[in-house]
């Protein structure tokens, strides 16, 4: 009975990020479609770390994850757009059935 629609951004390595954009001002994002579930949790983790004075520990998990291999998008540069369009059309059709 409920549905959501809209544009969706995916980070290049498909992993979320945390950045200190200015001193003591942090940005969290890049949940690649999982933000409804993950963003509140990530916000709480960051808030607790900041309140405890452990902001230096925030980047550690992301440094570890940034070392993971990021497979290229199927189809290479030439076929990326057609494959992506086909996949989005297919899943939109499946959602309607």
N, C-alpha and C. Protein backbone atom coordinates (compact mmCIF):
# COMPACT_ATOMS: atom_id res chain seq x y z
N UNK A 1 0.81 -1.20 0.00
CA UNK A 1 0.00 0.00 0.00
C UNK A 1 0.85 1.26 0.00
N UNK A 2 2.15 1.11 0.22
CA UNK A 2 3.03 2.27 0.25
C UNK A 2 4.10 2.12 -0.82
N UNK A 3 4.48 3.22 -1.38
CA UNK A 3 5.51 3.20 -2.42
C UNK A 3 6.31 4.48 -2.34
N UNK A 4 7.49 4.43 -2.89
CA UNK A 4 8.35 5.60 -2.96
C UNK A 4 8.91 5.67 -4.37
N UNK A 5 9.07 6.86 -4.87
CA UNK A 5 9.69 7.03 -6.18
C UNK A 5 10.51 8.30 -6.18
N UNK A 6 11.55 8.30 -6.96
CA UNK A 6 12.39 9.49 -7.03
C UNK A 6 13.76 9.14 -7.56
N UNK A 7 14.57 10.15 -7.71
CA UNK A 7 15.93 9.89 -8.19
C UNK A 7 16.77 9.33 -7.05
N UNK A 8 17.79 8.63 -7.42
CA UNK A 8 18.64 7.96 -6.45
C UNK A 8 20.08 8.14 -6.87
N UNK A 9 20.90 8.58 -5.96
CA UNK A 9 22.33 8.73 -6.24
C UNK A 9 23.09 7.55 -5.64
N UNK A 10 24.08 7.10 -6.35
CA UNK A 10 24.93 6.00 -5.89
C UNK A 10 26.37 6.47 -5.95
N UNK A 11 27.10 6.32 -4.87
CA UNK A 11 28.50 6.72 -4.87
C UNK A 11 29.30 5.78 -5.77
N UNK A 12 30.42 6.26 -6.26
CA UNK A 12 31.21 5.47 -7.19
C UNK A 12 31.63 4.13 -6.59
N UNK A 13 32.02 4.12 -5.34
CA UNK A 13 32.43 2.86 -4.72
C UNK A 13 31.29 2.18 -3.97
N UNK A 14 30.09 2.76 -4.10
CA UNK A 14 28.87 2.23 -3.51
C UNK A 14 28.90 2.18 -1.97
N UNK A 15 29.72 2.99 -1.36
CA UNK A 15 29.85 3.03 0.10
C UNK A 15 29.52 4.42 0.62
N UNK A 16 28.95 4.51 1.82
CA UNK A 16 28.68 5.82 2.41
C UNK A 16 29.96 6.55 2.77
N UNK A 17 29.83 7.85 3.01
CA UNK A 17 31.01 8.64 3.37
C UNK A 17 30.71 9.50 4.58
N UNK A 18 31.76 9.88 5.26
CA UNK A 18 31.68 10.87 6.33
C UNK A 18 32.84 11.82 6.11
N UNK A 19 32.56 13.12 6.15
CA UNK A 19 33.59 14.13 5.91
C UNK A 19 33.45 15.24 6.95
N UNK A 20 34.56 15.75 7.38
CA UNK A 20 34.55 16.96 8.20
C UNK A 20 34.70 18.12 7.22
N UNK A 21 33.60 18.80 6.93
CA UNK A 21 33.61 19.86 5.91
C UNK A 21 34.20 21.15 6.45
N UNK A 22 34.03 21.40 7.73
CA UNK A 22 34.67 22.50 8.45
C UNK A 22 34.94 21.98 9.86
N UNK A 23 35.72 22.72 10.59
CA UNK A 23 36.02 22.25 11.94
C UNK A 23 34.74 21.98 12.73
N UNK A 24 34.59 20.74 13.17
CA UNK A 24 33.44 20.28 13.95
C UNK A 24 32.11 20.32 13.19
N UNK A 25 32.16 20.37 11.87
CA UNK A 25 30.95 20.26 11.05
C UNK A 25 31.15 19.07 10.13
N UNK A 26 30.30 18.06 10.31
CA UNK A 26 30.45 16.81 9.58
C UNK A 26 29.29 16.60 8.62
N UNK A 27 29.59 15.95 7.51
CA UNK A 27 28.57 15.56 6.53
C UNK A 27 28.62 14.05 6.38
N UNK A 28 27.47 13.45 6.35
CA UNK A 28 27.35 12.01 6.15
C UNK A 28 26.42 11.83 4.95
N UNK A 29 26.75 10.93 4.06
CA UNK A 29 25.89 10.70 2.91
C UNK A 29 26.34 9.52 2.09
N UNK A 30 25.77 9.45 0.90
CA UNK A 30 26.17 8.40 -0.03
C UNK A 30 25.69 7.02 0.35
N UNK A 31 24.47 6.92 0.84
CA UNK A 31 23.97 5.62 1.28
C UNK A 31 23.45 4.77 0.12
N UNK A 32 23.49 5.31 -1.08
CA UNK A 32 23.19 4.55 -2.30
C UNK A 32 21.87 3.79 -2.24
N UNK A 33 20.83 4.48 -1.81
CA UNK A 33 19.51 3.87 -1.78
C UNK A 33 19.15 3.22 -0.46
N UNK A 34 20.06 3.20 0.48
CA UNK A 34 19.80 2.57 1.78
C UNK A 34 19.70 3.61 2.90
N UNK A 35 19.53 4.86 2.53
CA UNK A 35 19.56 5.94 3.52
C UNK A 35 18.45 5.92 4.54
N UNK A 36 17.26 5.46 4.16
CA UNK A 36 16.15 5.43 5.11
C UNK A 36 16.50 4.55 6.30
N UNK A 37 17.18 3.45 6.04
CA UNK A 37 17.57 2.54 7.12
C UNK A 37 18.88 2.96 7.79
N UNK A 38 19.85 3.40 7.01
CA UNK A 38 21.19 3.62 7.54
C UNK A 38 21.46 5.03 8.06
N UNK A 39 20.84 6.04 7.48
CA UNK A 39 21.16 7.41 7.87
C UNK A 39 20.88 7.71 9.34
N UNK A 40 19.74 7.30 9.90
CA UNK A 40 19.53 7.57 11.33
C UNK A 40 20.58 6.88 12.21
N UNK A 41 20.93 5.66 11.86
CA UNK A 41 21.96 4.94 12.61
C UNK A 41 23.30 5.65 12.51
N UNK A 42 23.68 6.04 11.30
CA UNK A 42 24.96 6.73 11.10
C UNK A 42 24.97 8.06 11.84
N UNK A 43 23.86 8.78 11.81
CA UNK A 43 23.77 10.04 12.53
C UNK A 43 23.96 9.86 14.03
N UNK A 44 23.38 8.81 14.55
CA UNK A 44 23.53 8.54 15.99
C UNK A 44 24.97 8.19 16.33
N UNK A 45 25.60 7.35 15.51
CA UNK A 45 27.00 6.97 15.74
C UNK A 45 27.89 8.21 15.74
N UNK A 46 27.69 9.08 14.76
CA UNK A 46 28.50 10.30 14.67
C UNK A 46 28.23 11.21 15.87
N UNK A 47 26.96 11.40 16.22
CA UNK A 47 26.63 12.26 17.36
C UNK A 47 27.25 11.74 18.65
N UNK A 48 27.16 10.43 18.87
CA UNK A 48 27.74 9.86 20.09
C UNK A 48 29.26 10.02 20.11
N UNK A 49 29.90 9.83 18.96
CA UNK A 49 31.36 9.99 18.89
C UNK A 49 31.75 11.44 19.17
N UNK A 50 31.01 12.39 18.61
CA UNK A 50 31.32 13.80 18.83
C UNK A 50 31.11 14.20 20.29
N UNK A 51 30.02 13.73 20.87
CA UNK A 51 29.75 14.07 22.27
C UNK A 51 30.79 13.47 23.22
N UNK A 52 31.35 12.33 22.82
CA UNK A 52 32.37 11.68 23.65
C UNK A 52 33.78 12.18 23.34
N UNK A 53 33.89 13.12 22.38
CA UNK A 53 35.20 13.65 22.01
C UNK A 53 36.05 12.67 21.22
N UNK A 54 35.39 11.77 20.50
CA UNK A 54 36.12 10.75 19.72
C UNK A 54 35.96 10.98 18.21
N UNK A 55 35.91 12.22 17.77
CA UNK A 55 35.71 12.47 16.34
C UNK A 55 36.81 11.88 15.48
N UNK A 56 38.02 11.72 16.04
CA UNK A 56 39.12 11.13 15.27
C UNK A 56 38.82 9.69 14.88
N UNK A 57 37.95 9.01 15.62
CA UNK A 57 37.63 7.60 15.34
C UNK A 57 36.59 7.45 14.24
N UNK A 58 35.94 8.55 13.85
CA UNK A 58 34.85 8.44 12.89
C UNK A 58 35.29 7.95 11.52
N UNK A 59 36.44 8.37 11.08
CA UNK A 59 36.87 8.03 9.72
C UNK A 59 37.43 6.61 9.61
N UNK A 60 37.76 5.97 10.72
CA UNK A 60 38.42 4.66 10.66
C UNK A 60 37.63 3.62 9.87
N UNK A 61 36.32 3.41 10.12
CA UNK A 61 35.61 2.39 9.34
C UNK A 61 35.57 2.72 7.85
N UNK A 62 35.51 4.00 7.53
CA UNK A 62 35.43 4.39 6.13
C UNK A 62 36.77 4.24 5.44
N UNK A 63 37.87 4.43 6.18
CA UNK A 63 39.19 4.17 5.59
C UNK A 63 39.33 2.69 5.27
N UNK A 64 38.84 1.84 6.15
CA UNK A 64 38.90 0.40 5.90
C UNK A 64 38.07 0.05 4.68
N UNK A 65 36.83 0.55 4.61
CA UNK A 65 35.95 0.22 3.49
C UNK A 65 36.46 0.80 2.18
N UNK A 66 37.15 1.91 2.22
CA UNK A 66 37.62 2.52 0.97
C UNK A 66 38.66 1.66 0.28
N UNK A 67 39.24 0.70 1.00
CA UNK A 67 40.21 -0.21 0.39
C UNK A 67 39.56 -1.36 -0.36
N UNK A 68 38.23 -1.51 -0.24
CA UNK A 68 37.55 -2.60 -0.94
C UNK A 68 37.57 -2.34 -2.44
N UNK A 69 37.71 -3.41 -3.19
CA UNK A 69 37.69 -3.28 -4.65
C UNK A 69 36.30 -2.86 -5.12
N UNK A 70 36.27 -2.00 -6.10
CA UNK A 70 35.01 -1.53 -6.67
C UNK A 70 34.91 -2.07 -8.09
N UNK A 71 34.09 -3.08 -8.31
CA UNK A 71 34.00 -3.62 -9.66
C UNK A 71 33.43 -2.59 -10.63
N UNK A 72 33.89 -2.61 -11.86
CA UNK A 72 33.36 -1.66 -12.84
C UNK A 72 31.90 -1.97 -13.16
N UNK A 73 31.19 -0.95 -13.60
CA UNK A 73 29.80 -1.15 -13.99
C UNK A 73 29.76 -2.06 -15.21
N UNK A 74 28.86 -3.02 -15.26
CA UNK A 74 28.79 -3.94 -16.41
C UNK A 74 28.58 -3.19 -17.72
N UNK A 75 29.23 -3.65 -18.75
CA UNK A 75 29.04 -3.08 -20.08
C UNK A 75 30.06 -2.03 -20.48
N UNK A 76 30.88 -1.60 -19.53
CA UNK A 76 31.88 -0.60 -19.86
C UNK A 76 31.25 0.73 -20.23
N UNK A 77 32.07 1.63 -20.74
CA UNK A 77 31.58 2.98 -21.07
C UNK A 77 30.55 2.96 -22.20
N UNK A 78 30.74 2.09 -23.16
CA UNK A 78 29.87 2.06 -24.33
C UNK A 78 28.46 1.58 -24.00
N UNK A 79 28.34 0.53 -23.21
CA UNK A 79 27.04 -0.07 -22.95
C UNK A 79 26.43 0.30 -21.60
N UNK A 80 27.12 1.13 -20.84
CA UNK A 80 26.62 1.46 -19.50
C UNK A 80 25.22 2.07 -19.54
N UNK A 81 25.03 3.11 -20.32
CA UNK A 81 23.73 3.79 -20.37
C UNK A 81 22.62 2.87 -20.86
N UNK A 82 22.81 2.13 -21.97
CA UNK A 82 21.73 1.24 -22.41
C UNK A 82 21.40 0.14 -21.39
N UNK A 83 22.42 -0.43 -20.76
CA UNK A 83 22.17 -1.48 -19.77
C UNK A 83 21.44 -0.90 -18.56
N UNK A 84 21.86 0.26 -18.12
CA UNK A 84 21.21 0.91 -16.98
C UNK A 84 19.76 1.23 -17.29
N UNK A 85 19.50 1.75 -18.48
CA UNK A 85 18.13 2.07 -18.89
C UNK A 85 17.28 0.81 -18.95
N UNK A 86 17.83 -0.25 -19.53
CA UNK A 86 17.11 -1.52 -19.62
C UNK A 86 16.80 -2.07 -18.23
N UNK A 87 17.77 -2.04 -17.34
CA UNK A 87 17.57 -2.55 -15.99
C UNK A 87 16.51 -1.74 -15.24
N UNK A 88 16.57 -0.42 -15.36
CA UNK A 88 15.59 0.42 -14.67
C UNK A 88 14.18 0.18 -15.22
N UNK A 89 14.08 0.01 -16.53
CA UNK A 89 12.79 -0.28 -17.15
C UNK A 89 12.26 -1.62 -16.68
N UNK A 90 13.13 -2.63 -16.65
CA UNK A 90 12.75 -3.97 -16.21
C UNK A 90 12.23 -3.95 -14.76
N UNK A 91 12.96 -3.30 -13.87
CA UNK A 91 12.54 -3.28 -12.48
C UNK A 91 11.29 -2.43 -12.27
N UNK A 92 11.12 -1.36 -13.04
CA UNK A 92 9.89 -0.57 -12.96
C UNK A 92 8.70 -1.41 -13.41
N UNK A 93 8.89 -2.21 -14.45
CA UNK A 93 7.83 -3.10 -14.94
C UNK A 93 7.50 -4.15 -13.88
N UNK A 94 8.51 -4.73 -13.28
CA UNK A 94 8.28 -5.73 -12.23
C UNK A 94 7.53 -5.13 -11.04
N UNK A 95 7.84 -3.88 -10.71
CA UNK A 95 7.14 -3.23 -9.60
C UNK A 95 5.66 -3.06 -9.87
N UNK A 96 5.31 -2.92 -11.13
CA UNK A 96 3.90 -2.71 -11.49
C UNK A 96 3.11 -4.01 -11.58
N UNK A 97 3.79 -5.12 -11.71
CA UNK A 97 3.09 -6.41 -11.86
C UNK A 97 2.70 -7.01 -10.54
